[in-house]
């Protein structure tokens, strides 16, 4: 049996990364043109970020929040970490499953992560209904979940651990660690991860890799 790339076109991955950086630049620039009010939410987050309480009035935010990242701080750690992970997961997965399936996993995984978060808020913690959820993490965990199923024997290095580990351990371990990080919407990560795992199970019937 031979293993051949289904797509060498990584443009969709690069396109998503470019849009996220452009949105970040807008986040940094727009406040300079508005009134300087203390504790005011960034106008871009206000328009594109997802809030459970206002979702029915702003339904587009279930997708647009995937392109928005924390504009605070001198170094955009939130954006950089997500985009680096997206590049490695995304370019690998798109070569395995093709452009269409990559985009489906990414965006449907991100949407499922947002739905998980809103259901958690409505059923368990209504106090979070005014919190704005932003970031591509749910969608990225969907990619990681799909890869964990499709390439269970693939071993990767995760800084600062000096020895390789199975990709699925890195993905699941990363999720568990983020549960304990303050300010992280782990519910969205969980929704994306679950969707990615299920998508991987479906795709595994027709996708074979050297790491299966």
N, C-alpha and C. Protein backbone atom coordinates (compact mmCIF):
# COMPACT_ATOMS: atom_id res chain seq x y z
N UNK A 1 0.85 -1.19 0.00
CA UNK A 1 0.00 0.00 0.00
C UNK A 1 0.88 1.24 0.00
N UNK A 2 0.52 2.23 -0.77
CA UNK A 2 1.27 3.49 -0.79
C UNK A 2 0.46 4.58 -0.10
N UNK A 3 1.16 5.52 0.46
CA UNK A 3 0.52 6.63 1.16
C UNK A 3 0.81 7.90 0.40
N UNK A 4 -0.22 8.55 -0.07
CA UNK A 4 -0.04 9.74 -0.90
C UNK A 4 -0.82 10.90 -0.31
N UNK A 5 -0.26 12.07 -0.43
CA UNK A 5 -0.92 13.27 0.08
C UNK A 5 -2.21 13.54 -0.68
N UNK A 6 -3.27 13.85 0.05
CA UNK A 6 -4.54 14.17 -0.58
C UNK A 6 -4.57 15.62 -1.05
N UNK A 7 -3.74 16.47 -0.45
CA UNK A 7 -3.71 17.88 -0.85
C UNK A 7 -2.40 18.51 -0.40
N UNK A 8 -1.69 19.12 -1.35
CA UNK A 8 -0.49 19.87 -1.00
C UNK A 8 -0.79 21.36 -0.91
N UNK A 9 -2.07 21.71 -1.01
CA UNK A 9 -2.47 23.11 -0.96
C UNK A 9 -2.75 23.52 0.47
N UNK A 10 -1.80 24.23 1.08
CA UNK A 10 -1.98 24.66 2.47
C UNK A 10 -2.51 26.08 2.54
N UNK A 11 -2.94 26.62 1.39
CA UNK A 11 -3.44 28.00 1.35
C UNK A 11 -4.59 28.24 2.34
N UNK A 12 -5.55 27.30 2.51
CA UNK A 12 -6.62 27.57 3.49
C UNK A 12 -6.09 27.79 4.90
N UNK A 13 -5.08 27.03 5.28
CA UNK A 13 -4.49 27.20 6.61
C UNK A 13 -3.83 28.58 6.72
N UNK A 14 -3.05 28.92 5.72
CA UNK A 14 -2.38 30.23 5.74
C UNK A 14 -3.40 31.36 5.68
N UNK A 15 -4.49 31.15 4.95
CA UNK A 15 -5.54 32.17 4.86
C UNK A 15 -6.16 32.46 6.21
N UNK A 16 -6.47 31.40 6.97
CA UNK A 16 -7.05 31.57 8.30
C UNK A 16 -6.07 32.32 9.21
N UNK A 17 -4.80 31.94 9.14
CA UNK A 17 -3.79 32.59 9.97
C UNK A 17 -3.68 34.08 9.63
N UNK A 18 -3.68 34.40 8.35
CA UNK A 18 -3.58 35.80 7.92
C UNK A 18 -4.78 36.60 8.42
N UNK A 19 -5.98 36.05 8.29
CA UNK A 19 -7.18 36.75 8.76
C UNK A 19 -7.10 37.01 10.26
N UNK A 20 -6.64 36.01 11.03
CA UNK A 20 -6.52 36.19 12.48
C UNK A 20 -5.54 37.31 12.83
N UNK A 21 -4.44 37.39 12.11
CA UNK A 21 -3.47 38.46 12.36
C UNK A 21 -4.05 39.82 11.97
N UNK A 22 -4.79 39.87 10.86
CA UNK A 22 -5.40 41.12 10.44
C UNK A 22 -6.43 41.60 11.47
N UNK A 23 -7.23 40.68 11.97
CA UNK A 23 -8.22 41.04 12.99
C UNK A 23 -7.51 41.54 14.24
N UNK A 24 -6.41 40.90 14.60
CA UNK A 24 -5.65 41.34 15.77
C UNK A 24 -5.15 42.78 15.59
N UNK A 25 -4.64 43.09 14.40
CA UNK A 25 -4.17 44.44 14.12
C UNK A 25 -5.31 45.45 14.26
N UNK A 26 -6.47 45.08 13.75
CA UNK A 26 -7.64 45.96 13.87
C UNK A 26 -8.00 46.16 15.34
N UNK A 27 -7.92 45.08 16.14
CA UNK A 27 -8.19 45.18 17.57
C UNK A 27 -7.27 46.19 18.25
N UNK A 28 -6.02 46.21 17.83
CA UNK A 28 -5.06 47.11 18.45
C UNK A 28 -5.25 48.55 17.99
N UNK A 29 -5.71 48.75 16.75
CA UNK A 29 -5.79 50.09 16.17
C UNK A 29 -7.10 50.79 16.50
N UNK A 30 -8.22 50.07 16.43
CA UNK A 30 -9.54 50.69 16.57
C UNK A 30 -9.71 51.48 17.86
N UNK A 31 -9.26 50.99 19.02
CA UNK A 31 -9.46 51.77 20.25
C UNK A 31 -8.87 53.17 20.22
N UNK A 32 -7.87 53.42 19.40
CA UNK A 32 -7.26 54.75 19.32
C UNK A 32 -8.20 55.78 18.69
N UNK A 33 -9.23 55.31 18.00
CA UNK A 33 -10.15 56.22 17.32
C UNK A 33 -11.47 56.41 18.09
N UNK A 34 -11.55 55.80 19.27
CA UNK A 34 -12.75 55.94 20.07
C UNK A 34 -12.47 56.66 21.37
N UNK A 35 -13.49 56.91 22.18
CA UNK A 35 -13.29 57.57 23.48
C UNK A 35 -12.50 56.69 24.42
N UNK A 36 -11.66 57.29 25.21
CA UNK A 36 -10.82 56.55 26.17
C UNK A 36 -11.60 56.35 27.46
N UNK A 37 -12.34 55.24 27.50
CA UNK A 37 -13.17 54.94 28.67
C UNK A 37 -12.57 53.77 29.44
N UNK A 38 -12.47 53.91 30.78
CA UNK A 38 -11.89 52.82 31.57
C UNK A 38 -12.78 51.58 31.54
N UNK A 39 -12.12 50.41 31.52
CA UNK A 39 -12.83 49.13 31.56
C UNK A 39 -13.77 48.92 30.38
N UNK A 40 -13.57 49.66 29.29
CA UNK A 40 -14.42 49.48 28.12
C UNK A 40 -13.94 48.28 27.32
N UNK A 41 -14.89 47.45 26.87
CA UNK A 41 -14.53 46.30 26.06
C UNK A 41 -14.00 46.76 24.71
N UNK A 42 -13.01 46.04 24.20
CA UNK A 42 -12.49 46.35 22.87
C UNK A 42 -13.63 46.30 21.87
N UNK A 43 -13.79 47.34 21.03
CA UNK A 43 -14.93 47.38 20.09
C UNK A 43 -14.99 46.18 19.15
N UNK A 44 -13.83 45.65 18.75
CA UNK A 44 -13.82 44.49 17.86
C UNK A 44 -14.35 43.26 18.57
N UNK A 45 -13.94 43.07 19.82
CA UNK A 45 -14.44 41.94 20.61
C UNK A 45 -15.94 42.10 20.84
N UNK A 46 -16.38 43.33 21.04
CA UNK A 46 -17.80 43.58 21.27
C UNK A 46 -18.65 43.19 20.07
N UNK A 47 -18.11 43.37 18.87
CA UNK A 47 -18.86 43.06 17.65
C UNK A 47 -18.68 41.61 17.23
N UNK A 48 -17.48 41.07 17.37
CA UNK A 48 -17.16 39.74 16.83
C UNK A 48 -17.09 38.64 17.89
N UNK A 49 -16.92 39.02 19.17
CA UNK A 49 -16.82 38.03 20.23
C UNK A 49 -18.18 37.42 20.57
N UNK A 50 -18.15 36.21 21.10
CA UNK A 50 -19.39 35.48 21.42
C UNK A 50 -19.77 35.66 22.88
N UNK A 51 -20.97 36.20 23.11
CA UNK A 51 -21.55 36.27 24.45
C UNK A 51 -22.84 35.46 24.46
N UNK A 52 -22.96 34.59 25.44
CA UNK A 52 -24.16 33.75 25.52
C UNK A 52 -25.42 34.60 25.62
N UNK A 53 -25.36 35.68 26.40
CA UNK A 53 -26.55 36.49 26.65
C UNK A 53 -27.05 37.19 25.38
N UNK A 54 -26.17 37.46 24.45
CA UNK A 54 -26.57 38.22 23.25
C UNK A 54 -26.46 37.40 21.97
N UNK A 55 -26.26 36.10 22.09
CA UNK A 55 -26.03 35.30 20.90
C UNK A 55 -27.19 35.35 19.91
N UNK A 56 -28.41 35.30 20.38
CA UNK A 56 -29.56 35.31 19.47
C UNK A 56 -29.65 36.62 18.69
N UNK A 57 -29.16 37.71 19.28
CA UNK A 57 -29.15 39.00 18.58
C UNK A 57 -27.93 39.12 17.66
N UNK A 58 -26.87 38.37 17.96
CA UNK A 58 -25.63 38.43 17.17
C UNK A 58 -25.19 37.01 16.79
N UNK A 59 -25.96 36.30 15.99
CA UNK A 59 -25.65 34.89 15.70
C UNK A 59 -24.35 34.69 14.94
N UNK A 60 -23.89 35.70 14.21
CA UNK A 60 -22.64 35.56 13.44
C UNK A 60 -21.43 35.33 14.34
N UNK A 61 -21.55 35.69 15.62
CA UNK A 61 -20.40 35.59 16.51
C UNK A 61 -20.00 34.15 16.80
N UNK A 62 -20.87 33.18 16.48
CA UNK A 62 -20.51 31.78 16.70
C UNK A 62 -19.40 31.36 15.74
N UNK A 63 -19.18 32.14 14.68
CA UNK A 63 -18.08 31.89 13.74
C UNK A 63 -17.00 32.97 13.85
N UNK A 64 -17.42 34.22 13.94
CA UNK A 64 -16.43 35.32 13.92
C UNK A 64 -15.52 35.30 15.13
N UNK A 65 -15.97 34.76 16.25
CA UNK A 65 -15.11 34.76 17.44
C UNK A 65 -13.88 33.88 17.25
N UNK A 66 -13.92 32.98 16.25
CA UNK A 66 -12.78 32.11 15.98
C UNK A 66 -11.59 32.88 15.42
N UNK A 67 -11.84 34.10 14.93
CA UNK A 67 -10.77 34.90 14.34
C UNK A 67 -10.25 35.98 15.29
N UNK A 68 -10.80 36.06 16.49
CA UNK A 68 -10.48 37.12 17.44
C UNK A 68 -9.63 36.56 18.57
N UNK A 69 -8.59 37.29 18.97
CA UNK A 69 -7.73 36.86 20.06
C UNK A 69 -7.48 38.01 21.02
N UNK A 70 -7.01 37.67 22.20
CA UNK A 70 -6.80 38.65 23.26
C UNK A 70 -5.81 39.72 22.81
N UNK A 71 -6.25 40.99 22.76
CA UNK A 71 -5.36 42.07 22.30
C UNK A 71 -4.49 42.64 23.39
N UNK A 72 -4.63 42.16 24.61
CA UNK A 72 -3.88 42.72 25.72
C UNK A 72 -2.43 42.29 25.72
N UNK A 73 -1.57 43.06 26.37
CA UNK A 73 -0.16 42.73 26.50
C UNK A 73 0.67 43.20 25.31
N UNK A 74 1.96 43.30 25.56
CA UNK A 74 2.88 43.73 24.51
C UNK A 74 3.08 42.64 23.46
N UNK A 75 3.19 41.39 23.93
CA UNK A 75 3.38 40.25 23.03
C UNK A 75 2.06 39.47 22.95
N UNK A 76 1.55 39.22 21.75
CA UNK A 76 0.26 38.54 21.60
C UNK A 76 0.37 37.03 21.78
N UNK A 77 0.62 36.59 23.02
CA UNK A 77 0.85 35.17 23.27
C UNK A 77 -0.33 34.31 22.84
N UNK A 78 -1.54 34.76 23.13
CA UNK A 78 -2.73 33.99 22.78
C UNK A 78 -2.78 33.72 21.28
N UNK A 79 -2.57 34.76 20.50
CA UNK A 79 -2.59 34.65 19.05
C UNK A 79 -1.43 33.79 18.54
N UNK A 80 -0.23 34.05 19.02
CA UNK A 80 0.94 33.34 18.52
C UNK A 80 0.86 31.85 18.81
N UNK A 81 0.48 31.49 20.03
CA UNK A 81 0.40 30.07 20.39
C UNK A 81 -0.65 29.37 19.52
N UNK A 82 -1.81 29.99 19.36
CA UNK A 82 -2.86 29.38 18.55
C UNK A 82 -2.44 29.24 17.09
N UNK A 83 -1.81 30.26 16.54
CA UNK A 83 -1.47 30.22 15.12
C UNK A 83 -0.34 29.23 14.83
N UNK A 84 0.62 29.12 15.74
CA UNK A 84 1.69 28.13 15.55
C UNK A 84 1.10 26.73 15.58
N UNK A 85 0.22 26.47 16.54
CA UNK A 85 -0.41 25.15 16.63
C UNK A 85 -1.29 24.89 15.41
N UNK A 86 -2.03 25.91 14.98
CA UNK A 86 -2.87 25.78 13.79
C UNK A 86 -2.03 25.43 12.57
N UNK A 87 -0.89 26.07 12.43
CA UNK A 87 -0.05 25.81 11.26
C UNK A 87 0.39 24.34 11.23
N UNK A 88 0.91 23.84 12.35
CA UNK A 88 1.41 22.46 12.35
C UNK A 88 0.28 21.44 12.24
N UNK A 89 -0.78 21.60 13.03
CA UNK A 89 -1.92 20.68 12.93
C UNK A 89 -2.60 20.81 11.57
N UNK A 90 -2.83 22.05 11.15
CA UNK A 90 -3.60 22.28 9.93
C UNK A 90 -2.91 21.80 8.68
N UNK A 91 -1.61 22.11 8.53
CA UNK A 91 -0.92 21.69 7.31
C UNK A 91 -0.77 20.17 7.25
N UNK A 92 -0.64 19.54 8.40
CA UNK A 92 -0.54 18.07 8.42
C UNK A 92 -1.89 17.45 8.06
N UNK A 93 -2.96 17.95 8.69
CA UNK A 93 -4.27 17.35 8.46
C UNK A 93 -4.75 17.58 7.03
N UNK A 94 -4.52 18.76 6.48
CA UNK A 94 -5.03 19.05 5.15
C UNK A 94 -4.36 18.15 4.10
N UNK A 95 -3.13 17.75 4.37
CA UNK A 95 -2.44 16.84 3.46
C UNK A 95 -3.00 15.42 3.57
N UNK A 96 -3.61 15.11 4.70
CA UNK A 96 -4.18 13.78 4.88
C UNK A 96 -5.59 13.67 4.34
N UNK A 97 -6.41 14.70 4.58
CA UNK A 97 -7.84 14.57 4.29
C UNK A 97 -8.33 15.50 3.20
N UNK A 98 -7.52 16.47 2.78
CA UNK A 98 -7.95 17.40 1.74
C UNK A 98 -8.56 18.67 2.31
N UNK A 99 -8.75 19.63 1.42
CA UNK A 99 -9.21 20.96 1.82
C UNK A 99 -10.61 20.93 2.40
N UNK A 100 -11.54 20.26 1.73
CA UNK A 100 -12.93 20.29 2.19
C UNK A 100 -13.06 19.75 3.60
N UNK A 101 -12.49 18.57 3.86
CA UNK A 101 -12.64 17.97 5.18
C UNK A 101 -11.89 18.78 6.24
N UNK A 102 -10.76 19.36 5.88
CA UNK A 102 -10.05 20.22 6.83
C UNK A 102 -10.93 21.38 7.26
N UNK A 103 -11.53 22.07 6.28
CA UNK A 103 -12.37 23.23 6.60
C UNK A 103 -13.60 22.81 7.42
N UNK A 104 -14.18 21.67 7.09
CA UNK A 104 -15.33 21.19 7.85
C UNK A 104 -14.96 20.92 9.30
N UNK A 105 -13.83 20.24 9.50
CA UNK A 105 -13.41 19.93 10.87
C UNK A 105 -13.08 21.20 11.63
N UNK A 106 -12.40 22.12 10.98
CA UNK A 106 -11.99 23.35 11.66
C UNK A 106 -13.19 24.19 12.08
N UNK A 107 -14.06 24.50 11.13
CA UNK A 107 -15.15 25.42 11.46
C UNK A 107 -16.27 24.75 12.24
N UNK A 108 -16.62 23.53 11.89
CA UNK A 108 -17.66 22.83 12.67
C UNK A 108 -17.15 22.51 14.07
N UNK A 109 -15.86 22.20 14.18
CA UNK A 109 -15.29 21.98 15.51
C UNK A 109 -15.32 23.24 16.34
N UNK A 110 -14.98 24.38 15.73
CA UNK A 110 -15.05 25.65 16.45
C UNK A 110 -16.46 25.99 16.87
N UNK A 111 -17.41 25.77 15.98
CA UNK A 111 -18.82 26.03 16.29
C UNK A 111 -19.29 25.11 17.42
N UNK A 112 -18.91 23.83 17.35
CA UNK A 112 -19.30 22.90 18.41
C UNK A 112 -18.70 23.32 19.75
N UNK A 113 -17.48 23.82 19.73
CA UNK A 113 -16.88 24.31 20.96
C UNK A 113 -17.67 25.47 21.54
N UNK A 114 -18.11 26.38 20.69
CA UNK A 114 -18.93 27.50 21.14
C UNK A 114 -20.27 27.03 21.71
N UNK A 115 -20.85 26.04 21.06
CA UNK A 115 -22.13 25.50 21.56
C UNK A 115 -21.93 24.84 22.92
N UNK A 116 -20.85 24.08 23.08
CA UNK A 116 -20.56 23.46 24.37
C UNK A 116 -20.45 24.53 25.46
N UNK A 117 -19.76 25.62 25.14
CA UNK A 117 -19.59 26.68 26.14
C UNK A 117 -20.94 27.27 26.52
N UNK A 118 -21.78 27.58 25.53
CA UNK A 118 -23.07 28.19 25.83
C UNK A 118 -23.98 27.25 26.60
N UNK A 119 -23.95 25.97 26.27
CA UNK A 119 -24.77 25.01 27.02
C UNK A 119 -24.29 24.91 28.46
N UNK A 120 -22.98 24.95 28.68
CA UNK A 120 -22.43 24.93 30.03
C UNK A 120 -22.91 26.15 30.81
N UNK A 121 -22.89 27.30 30.16
CA UNK A 121 -23.33 28.53 30.81
C UNK A 121 -24.81 28.44 31.17
N UNK A 122 -25.63 27.99 30.24
CA UNK A 122 -27.08 27.96 30.46
C UNK A 122 -27.48 26.94 31.51
N UNK A 123 -26.80 25.81 31.57
CA UNK A 123 -27.21 24.73 32.45
C UNK A 123 -26.46 24.68 33.77
N UNK A 124 -25.22 25.19 33.80
CA UNK A 124 -24.38 24.99 34.98
C UNK A 124 -23.94 26.30 35.61
N UNK A 125 -23.49 27.26 34.83
CA UNK A 125 -22.91 28.48 35.40
C UNK A 125 -23.44 29.72 34.67
N UNK A 126 -24.67 30.13 34.97
CA UNK A 126 -25.25 31.31 34.29
C UNK A 126 -24.45 32.59 34.51
N UNK A 127 -23.59 32.61 35.51
CA UNK A 127 -22.80 33.80 35.78
C UNK A 127 -21.84 34.14 34.64
N UNK A 128 -21.59 33.19 33.75
CA UNK A 128 -20.67 33.41 32.64
C UNK A 128 -21.37 33.93 31.39
N UNK A 129 -22.67 34.21 31.49
CA UNK A 129 -23.41 34.56 30.27
C UNK A 129 -22.98 35.90 29.68
N UNK A 130 -22.33 36.76 30.47
CA UNK A 130 -21.87 38.04 29.95
C UNK A 130 -20.40 38.01 29.51
N UNK A 131 -19.77 36.85 29.66
CA UNK A 131 -18.36 36.72 29.28
C UNK A 131 -18.25 36.58 27.76
N UNK A 132 -17.32 37.32 27.16
CA UNK A 132 -17.07 37.21 25.72
C UNK A 132 -16.02 36.12 25.48
N UNK A 133 -16.38 35.15 24.65
CA UNK A 133 -15.48 34.04 24.32
C UNK A 133 -14.83 34.33 22.96
N UNK A 134 -13.51 34.28 22.93
CA UNK A 134 -12.78 34.56 21.69
C UNK A 134 -11.66 33.53 21.52
N UNK A 135 -11.20 33.37 20.30
CA UNK A 135 -10.05 32.52 20.04
C UNK A 135 -10.37 31.30 19.21
N UNK A 136 -9.33 30.79 18.55
CA UNK A 136 -9.48 29.64 17.65
C UNK A 136 -9.22 28.31 18.34
N UNK A 137 -9.08 28.32 19.66
CA UNK A 137 -8.65 27.11 20.36
C UNK A 137 -9.59 25.93 20.16
N UNK A 138 -10.91 26.17 20.20
CA UNK A 138 -11.85 25.07 20.01
C UNK A 138 -11.68 24.42 18.65
N UNK A 139 -11.52 25.24 17.62
CA UNK A 139 -11.32 24.72 16.27
C UNK A 139 -9.99 23.98 16.16
N UNK A 140 -8.96 24.50 16.81
CA UNK A 140 -7.65 23.86 16.76
C UNK A 140 -7.67 22.53 17.50
N UNK A 141 -8.38 22.46 18.61
CA UNK A 141 -8.50 21.18 19.31
C UNK A 141 -9.28 20.17 18.46
N UNK A 142 -10.18 20.64 17.61
CA UNK A 142 -10.87 19.74 16.69
C UNK A 142 -9.87 19.11 15.72
N UNK A 143 -8.94 19.93 15.21
CA UNK A 143 -7.89 19.40 14.34
C UNK A 143 -7.03 18.38 15.09
N UNK A 144 -6.66 18.73 16.30
CA UNK A 144 -5.84 17.82 17.10
C UNK A 144 -6.56 16.52 17.41
N UNK A 145 -7.87 16.60 17.69
CA UNK A 145 -8.63 15.39 17.96
C UNK A 145 -8.68 14.48 16.75
N UNK A 146 -8.90 15.07 15.57
CA UNK A 146 -8.95 14.27 14.35
C UNK A 146 -7.60 13.61 14.08
N UNK A 147 -6.50 14.36 14.26
CA UNK A 147 -5.17 13.79 14.05
C UNK A 147 -4.85 12.70 15.07
N UNK A 148 -5.33 12.86 16.30
CA UNK A 148 -5.08 11.86 17.33
C UNK A 148 -5.67 10.51 16.94
N UNK A 149 -6.81 10.54 16.25
CA UNK A 149 -7.45 9.30 15.82
C UNK A 149 -6.82 8.76 14.54
N UNK A 150 -6.51 9.67 13.61
CA UNK A 150 -5.97 9.25 12.32
C UNK A 150 -4.51 8.82 12.39
N UNK A 151 -3.76 9.36 13.33
CA UNK A 151 -2.32 9.07 13.41
C UNK A 151 -1.92 8.69 14.84
N UNK A 152 -2.51 7.65 15.40
CA UNK A 152 -2.24 7.31 16.81
C UNK A 152 -0.79 6.94 17.09
N UNK A 153 -0.03 6.52 16.07
CA UNK A 153 1.36 6.12 16.30
C UNK A 153 2.36 7.25 16.05
N UNK A 154 1.87 8.40 15.62
CA UNK A 154 2.76 9.53 15.38
C UNK A 154 3.29 10.07 16.70
N UNK A 155 4.59 10.29 16.78
CA UNK A 155 5.22 10.81 17.99
C UNK A 155 5.74 12.22 17.71
N UNK A 156 5.56 13.11 18.68
CA UNK A 156 5.93 14.51 18.51
C UNK A 156 6.70 14.98 19.73
N UNK A 157 7.45 16.07 19.54
CA UNK A 157 8.12 16.73 20.65
C UNK A 157 7.26 17.91 21.10
N UNK A 158 7.11 18.06 22.40
CA UNK A 158 6.37 19.18 22.98
C UNK A 158 7.30 19.90 23.94
N UNK A 159 7.63 21.13 23.62
CA UNK A 159 8.52 21.93 24.48
C UNK A 159 7.88 22.12 25.84
N UNK A 160 8.61 21.95 26.96
CA UNK A 160 10.06 21.71 27.06
C UNK A 160 10.41 20.24 27.32
N UNK A 161 9.49 19.31 27.06
CA UNK A 161 9.74 17.89 27.32
C UNK A 161 10.73 17.36 26.28
N UNK A 162 11.85 16.78 26.70
CA UNK A 162 12.93 16.42 25.76
C UNK A 162 12.74 15.10 25.03
N UNK A 163 11.66 14.38 25.32
CA UNK A 163 11.45 13.08 24.67
C UNK A 163 10.15 13.11 23.87
N UNK A 164 10.10 12.37 22.75
CA UNK A 164 8.87 12.36 21.95
C UNK A 164 7.75 11.62 22.65
N UNK A 165 6.53 12.02 22.35
CA UNK A 165 5.36 11.37 22.91
C UNK A 165 4.32 11.18 21.81
N UNK A 166 3.39 10.23 21.97
CA UNK A 166 2.33 10.08 20.97
C UNK A 166 1.53 11.37 20.84
N UNK A 167 1.13 11.69 19.62
CA UNK A 167 0.37 12.91 19.40
C UNK A 167 -0.89 12.96 20.24
N UNK A 168 -1.56 11.81 20.38
CA UNK A 168 -2.81 11.81 21.13
C UNK A 168 -2.57 12.15 22.60
N UNK A 169 -1.43 11.78 23.13
CA UNK A 169 -1.09 12.13 24.52
C UNK A 169 -0.88 13.64 24.63
N UNK A 170 -0.20 14.21 23.63
CA UNK A 170 0.04 15.66 23.64
C UNK A 170 -1.27 16.43 23.56
N UNK A 171 -2.21 15.97 22.72
CA UNK A 171 -3.48 16.67 22.55
C UNK A 171 -4.32 16.57 23.81
N UNK A 172 -4.50 15.36 24.32
CA UNK A 172 -5.32 15.17 25.53
C UNK A 172 -4.66 15.84 26.72
N UNK A 173 -3.34 15.69 26.84
CA UNK A 173 -2.62 16.32 27.94
C UNK A 173 -2.72 17.83 27.90
N UNK A 174 -2.63 18.40 26.69
CA UNK A 174 -2.78 19.85 26.56
C UNK A 174 -4.15 20.32 27.01
N UNK A 175 -5.17 19.55 26.67
CA UNK A 175 -6.52 19.92 27.11
C UNK A 175 -6.63 19.88 28.64
N UNK A 176 -6.12 18.83 29.25
CA UNK A 176 -6.21 18.68 30.71
C UNK A 176 -5.50 19.83 31.40
N UNK A 177 -4.32 20.21 30.91
CA UNK A 177 -3.57 21.31 31.52
C UNK A 177 -4.35 22.62 31.44
N UNK A 178 -4.97 22.88 30.29
CA UNK A 178 -5.68 24.15 30.09
C UNK A 178 -6.92 24.27 30.97
N UNK A 179 -7.44 23.14 31.44
CA UNK A 179 -8.59 23.19 32.36
C UNK A 179 -8.26 24.02 33.60
N UNK A 180 -7.00 23.95 34.02
CA UNK A 180 -6.59 24.58 35.27
C UNK A 180 -6.01 25.98 35.07
N UNK A 181 -6.04 26.49 33.83
CA UNK A 181 -5.53 27.82 33.56
C UNK A 181 -6.66 28.84 33.68
N UNK A 182 -6.48 29.84 34.52
CA UNK A 182 -7.52 30.85 34.74
C UNK A 182 -7.81 31.61 33.45
N UNK A 183 -9.09 31.88 33.24
CA UNK A 183 -9.50 32.67 32.09
C UNK A 183 -9.63 31.90 30.80
N UNK A 184 -9.41 30.59 30.84
CA UNK A 184 -9.51 29.76 29.63
C UNK A 184 -10.88 29.09 29.59
N UNK A 185 -11.57 29.23 28.46
CA UNK A 185 -12.89 28.61 28.29
C UNK A 185 -12.70 27.15 27.87
N UNK A 186 -12.36 26.31 28.85
CA UNK A 186 -12.06 24.91 28.55
C UNK A 186 -13.26 24.18 27.95
N UNK A 187 -14.46 24.68 28.23
CA UNK A 187 -15.65 24.04 27.67
C UNK A 187 -15.64 24.08 26.14
N UNK A 188 -15.15 25.21 25.59
CA UNK A 188 -15.03 25.32 24.15
C UNK A 188 -13.98 24.37 23.60
N UNK A 189 -12.87 24.21 24.33
CA UNK A 189 -11.84 23.26 23.92
C UNK A 189 -12.41 21.85 23.90
N UNK A 190 -13.20 21.53 24.94
CA UNK A 190 -13.78 20.19 25.03
C UNK A 190 -14.72 19.91 23.86
N UNK A 191 -15.57 20.88 23.53
CA UNK A 191 -16.48 20.70 22.41
C UNK A 191 -15.75 20.47 21.11
N UNK A 192 -14.71 21.26 20.86
CA UNK A 192 -13.92 21.07 19.65
C UNK A 192 -13.21 19.74 19.63
N UNK A 193 -12.64 19.35 20.76
CA UNK A 193 -11.92 18.08 20.85
C UNK A 193 -12.84 16.90 20.58
N UNK A 194 -14.01 16.90 21.20
CA UNK A 194 -14.97 15.81 20.99
C UNK A 194 -15.37 15.72 19.52
N UNK A 195 -15.65 16.86 18.91
CA UNK A 195 -16.02 16.86 17.49
C UNK A 195 -14.87 16.30 16.65
N UNK A 196 -13.65 16.73 16.94
CA UNK A 196 -12.51 16.25 16.18
C UNK A 196 -12.30 14.76 16.31
N UNK A 197 -12.46 14.23 17.51
CA UNK A 197 -12.33 12.78 17.72
C UNK A 197 -13.37 12.01 16.91
N UNK A 198 -14.60 12.51 16.92
CA UNK A 198 -15.66 11.84 16.15
C UNK A 198 -15.39 11.94 14.64
N UNK A 199 -14.93 13.11 14.20
CA UNK A 199 -14.61 13.27 12.78
C UNK A 199 -13.48 12.34 12.38
N UNK A 200 -12.48 12.19 13.26
CA UNK A 200 -11.39 11.27 12.97
C UNK A 200 -11.86 9.84 12.83
N UNK A 201 -12.81 9.43 13.67
CA UNK A 201 -13.35 8.07 13.57
C UNK A 201 -14.06 7.85 12.24
N UNK A 202 -14.79 8.87 11.78
CA UNK A 202 -15.49 8.76 10.50
C UNK A 202 -14.48 8.69 9.35
N UNK A 203 -13.48 9.57 9.38
CA UNK A 203 -12.51 9.63 8.29
C UNK A 203 -11.57 8.44 8.28
N UNK A 204 -11.39 7.80 9.41
CA UNK A 204 -10.43 6.70 9.48
C UNK A 204 -10.83 5.53 8.59
N UNK A 205 -12.10 5.46 8.23
CA UNK A 205 -12.56 4.37 7.36
C UNK A 205 -11.98 4.49 5.96
N UNK A 206 -11.59 5.70 5.56
CA UNK A 206 -11.08 5.87 4.20
C UNK A 206 -9.73 6.54 4.13
N UNK A 207 -9.18 6.97 5.26
CA UNK A 207 -7.88 7.61 5.27
C UNK A 207 -6.88 6.70 5.96
N UNK A 208 -5.80 6.35 5.26
CA UNK A 208 -4.74 5.53 5.85
C UNK A 208 -3.43 6.30 5.77
N UNK A 209 -2.68 6.26 6.87
CA UNK A 209 -1.41 6.97 6.93
C UNK A 209 -0.35 6.00 7.48
N UNK A 210 0.93 6.34 7.33
CA UNK A 210 1.98 5.50 7.92
C UNK A 210 1.92 5.45 9.44
N UNK A 211 1.12 6.35 10.03
CA UNK A 211 1.03 6.42 11.50
C UNK A 211 -0.29 5.88 12.02
N UNK A 212 -1.04 5.17 11.18
CA UNK A 212 -2.34 4.62 11.60
C UNK A 212 -2.14 3.47 12.59
